[in-house]
Amino acid sequence: MSWMCQKLEVSRSGFYAWAKRAPSEHRRRDEALLRKIAGHFEESNGVYGSPRIHALLRRRGERVGRKRVVRLMRTLHLRARANRIYRPRGSAPVCRLNLANEARCREVTGPDQVWRGDVTYLFFHSLKTEAIHGRSFADAVQLDAAVRRYIERYNRTRIHSSLAYMSPIDYERTNA
């Protein structure tokens, strides 16, 4: 120990005082922020990067700078899933839904009750990156469930930088 203290040019008593000292307020605050950042990152399924995590923290009353969020995310090795453009390679199996057997058909009496689309035409980049890439689906039912979960999350909780870091539903409520 004496040799190390001598090389670092610190006294032994100073080293032991430092070793026994409680963590600083800054360090304790970083540890609390690390837990919150990890929670928000997990809630977003690894999709949110530092700008969105920072916006969530600020919205929940945390006074924190974006650079600090970046530093803490690096400490935890948290990195948002990168948006890659999907380019099919070779021939992929085609998912076909049997609309004739669909039991969910009902009379439509107004807007936003039933939405239809062909899932093979998904060039909606965020959906593919956040809900489809890196996952495999046994059948169209699993794919349908994943798309429905994503759309529900997208409209209710996913925050958008173009909407002042609000979800579409929150943005509609505040700007109606």
Protein backbone atom coordinates (compact mmCIF):
# COMPACT_ATOMS: atom_id res chain seq x y z
CA MET A 1 0.00 0.00 0.00
CA SER A 2 2.85 2.38 0.86
CA TRP A 3 4.39 1.90 -2.59
CA MET A 4 1.11 2.66 -4.37
CA CYS A 5 0.48 5.76 -2.26
CA GLN A 6 4.01 6.93 -2.99
CA LYS A 7 3.59 6.44 -6.75
CA LEU A 8 0.23 8.26 -6.73
CA GLU A 9 1.68 10.96 -4.49
CA VAL A 10 -1.01 10.65 -1.83
CA SER A 11 -0.64 10.06 1.89
CA ARG A 12 -1.75 6.76 3.38
CA SER A 13 -4.10 8.54 5.76
CA GLY A 14 -5.58 10.49 2.82
CA PHE A 15 -6.14 7.26 0.89
CA TYR A 16 -7.89 5.57 3.84
CA ALA A 17 -10.02 8.67 4.45
CA TRP A 18 -11.04 8.62 0.77
CA ALA A 19 -11.81 4.88 0.89
CA LYS A 20 -14.09 5.27 3.95
CA ARG A 21 -15.87 8.37 2.68
CA ALA A 22 -19.51 8.02 1.66
CA PRO A 23 -20.31 8.52 -2.04
CA SER A 24 -20.73 12.14 -3.07
CA GLU A 25 -24.15 13.66 -3.75
CA HIS A 26 -23.29 13.67 -7.47
CA ARG A 27 -22.45 9.95 -7.37
CA ARG A 28 -25.64 9.10 -5.44
CA ARG A 29 -27.67 11.12 -7.96
CA ASP A 30 -25.97 9.28 -10.84
CA GLU A 31 -26.87 5.93 -9.28
CA ALA A 32 -30.52 6.95 -8.94
CA LEU A 33 -30.56 8.20 -12.52
CA LEU A 34 -28.93 4.98 -13.73
CA ARG A 35 -31.84 2.98 -12.30
CA LYS A 36 -34.42 5.29 -13.91
CA ILE A 37 -32.64 5.29 -17.26
CA ALA A 38 -32.39 1.50 -17.27
CA GLY A 39 -36.11 1.27 -16.45
CA HIS A 40 -37.14 3.61 -19.27
CA PHE A 41 -34.83 1.82 -21.69
CA GLU A 42 -36.35 -1.54 -20.78
CA GLU A 43 -39.91 -0.18 -21.04
CA SER A 44 -39.12 0.98 -24.58
CA ASN A 45 -37.84 -2.49 -25.52
CA GLY A 46 -34.41 -1.03 -26.19
CA VAL A 47 -35.71 1.43 -28.76
CA TYR A 48 -35.30 4.79 -27.01
CA GLY A 49 -31.97 6.56 -27.26
CA SER A 50 -30.67 9.39 -25.11
CA PRO A 51 -32.92 12.15 -26.56
CA ARG A 52 -36.13 10.25 -25.75
CA ILE A 53 -34.87 8.98 -22.38
CA HIS A 54 -33.87 12.56 -21.53
CA ALA A 55 -37.32 13.81 -22.54
CA LEU A 56 -39.01 11.17 -20.35
CA LEU A 57 -36.86 12.07 -17.36
CA ARG A 58 -37.55 15.79 -17.82
CA ARG A 59 -41.29 15.15 -18.19
CA ARG A 60 -41.24 13.28 -14.88
CA GLY A 61 -39.63 16.25 -13.15
CA GLU A 62 -35.97 15.22 -13.24
CA ARG A 63 -33.53 18.09 -13.69
CA VAL A 64 -30.87 16.45 -15.82
CA GLY A 65 -28.85 17.42 -18.87
CA ARG A 66 -28.85 15.42 -22.08
CA LYS A 67 -25.07 14.95 -21.97
CA ARG A 68 -25.36 13.40 -18.52
CA VAL A 69 -28.00 10.98 -19.85
CA VAL A 70 -25.66 10.11 -22.73
CA ARG A 71 -22.79 9.47 -20.29
CA LEU A 72 -24.91 7.32 -17.99
CA MET A 73 -26.34 5.30 -20.89
CA ARG A 74 -22.78 4.62 -22.06
CA THR A 75 -21.89 3.51 -18.52
CA LEU A 76 -24.66 0.91 -18.71
CA HIS A 77 -23.78 0.03 -22.33
CA LEU A 78 -27.32 0.98 -23.38
CA ARG A 79 -27.70 1.79 -27.02
CA ALA A 80 -30.95 2.22 -28.89
CA ARG A 81 -31.71 -0.36 -31.52
CA ALA A 82 -30.48 1.07 -34.81
CA ASN A 83 -32.95 1.74 -37.57
CA ARG A 84 -31.92 -0.35 -40.53
CA ILE A 85 -33.62 -0.40 -43.86
CA TYR A 86 -35.00 -3.85 -44.56
CA ARG A 87 -33.88 -5.40 -47.80
CA PRO A 88 -35.21 -8.89 -48.41
CA ARG A 89 -32.63 -11.46 -49.45
CA GLY A 90 -33.74 -14.44 -51.46
CA SER A 91 -37.32 -15.64 -51.29
CA ALA A 92 -39.17 -15.15 -48.04
CA PRO A 93 -42.33 -17.01 -47.05
CA VAL A 94 -45.44 -14.97 -47.74
CA CYS A 95 -47.95 -14.53 -44.94
CA ARG A 96 -51.52 -14.67 -46.15
CA LEU A 97 -54.44 -13.98 -43.87
CA ASN A 98 -57.64 -15.86 -44.52
CA LEU A 99 -60.13 -13.01 -44.48
CA ALA A 100 -63.06 -15.33 -45.20
CA ASN A 101 -62.62 -17.08 -41.85
CA GLU A 102 -62.03 -13.93 -39.87
CA ALA A 103 -64.54 -13.85 -37.03
CA ARG A 104 -63.88 -10.22 -36.16
CA CYS A 105 -65.95 -8.81 -39.02
CA ARG A 106 -68.70 -6.54 -37.76
CA GLU A 107 -70.85 -3.68 -38.91
CA VAL A 108 -68.94 -0.41 -39.03
CA THR A 109 -70.91 2.59 -37.73
CA GLY A 110 -68.19 5.27 -37.68
CA PRO A 111 -64.54 6.12 -38.20
CA ASP A 112 -61.62 4.42 -36.40
CA GLN A 113 -63.53 1.23 -35.63
CA VAL A 114 -61.89 -1.13 -38.10
CA TRP A 115 -58.60 -0.70 -39.89
CA ARG A 116 -57.44 -2.99 -42.65
CA GLY A 117 -54.15 -3.48 -44.38
CA ASP A 118 -51.90 -6.00 -46.00
CA VAL A 119 -49.09 -6.83 -43.59
CA THR A 120 -46.78 -7.71 -46.48
CA TYR A 121 -46.78 -4.02 -47.41
CA LEU A 122 -45.15 -2.81 -44.21
CA PHE A 123 -42.41 -0.02 -45.39
CA PHE A 124 -43.40 1.76 -42.00
CA HIS A 125 -39.80 1.95 -40.82
CA SER A 126 -40.31 2.35 -37.05
CA LEU A 127 -42.67 -0.61 -36.87
CA LYS A 128 -40.26 -2.88 -38.72
CA THR A 129 -37.30 -1.80 -36.63
CA GLU A 130 -39.03 -1.85 -33.25
CA ALA A 131 -41.44 -4.76 -33.59
CA ILE A 132 -40.43 -7.01 -36.48
CA HIS A 133 -36.63 -7.09 -36.99
CA GLY A 134 -34.77 -9.73 -35.04
CA ARG A 135 -37.92 -11.69 -34.22
CA SER A 136 -39.43 -14.72 -35.87
CA PHE A 137 -43.10 -15.54 -36.01
CA ALA A 138 -44.51 -19.05 -36.27
CA ASP A 139 -47.61 -17.90 -38.10
CA ALA A 140 -49.72 -14.93 -39.14
CA VAL A 141 -51.49 -14.89 -35.76
CA GLN A 142 -48.24 -14.14 -33.90
CA LEU A 143 -47.26 -11.50 -36.46
CA ASP A 144 -50.72 -9.93 -36.20
CA ALA A 145 -50.46 -9.82 -32.40
CA ALA A 146 -47.01 -8.17 -32.55
CA VAL A 147 -48.26 -5.52 -35.00
CA ARG A 148 -51.34 -4.83 -32.87
CA ARG A 149 -49.21 -4.45 -29.71
CA TYR A 150 -46.90 -2.08 -31.53
CA ILE A 151 -49.73 0.07 -32.91
CA GLU A 152 -51.33 0.28 -29.47
CA ARG A 153 -48.00 1.29 -27.91
CA TYR A 154 -47.20 3.65 -30.79
CA ASN A 155 -50.41 5.61 -30.28
CA ARG A 156 -50.62 5.53 -26.49
CA THR A 157 -47.11 5.62 -25.06
CA ARG A 158 -44.37 5.94 -27.72
CA ILE A 159 -43.05 9.48 -27.66
CA HIS A 160 -42.21 11.27 -30.91
CA SER A 161 -39.61 13.98 -31.33
CA SER A 162 -41.79 15.65 -33.98
CA LEU A 163 -44.62 15.95 -31.42
CA ALA A 164 -42.50 17.66 -28.74
CA TYR A 165 -41.71 14.24 -27.22
CA MET A 166 -45.37 13.37 -26.65
CA SER A 167 -47.36 10.33 -27.69
CA PRO A 168 -49.94 10.90 -30.47
CA ILE A 169 -52.80 10.57 -27.98
CA ASP A 170 -51.24 13.05 -25.53
CA TYR A 171 -50.55 15.44 -28.40
CA GLU A 172 -54.18 15.25 -29.56
CA ARG A 173 -55.41 15.90 -26.00
CA THR A 174 -53.22 18.98 -25.52
CA ASN A 175 -53.81 20.40 -29.00
CA ALA A 176 -57.49 19.61 -29.53
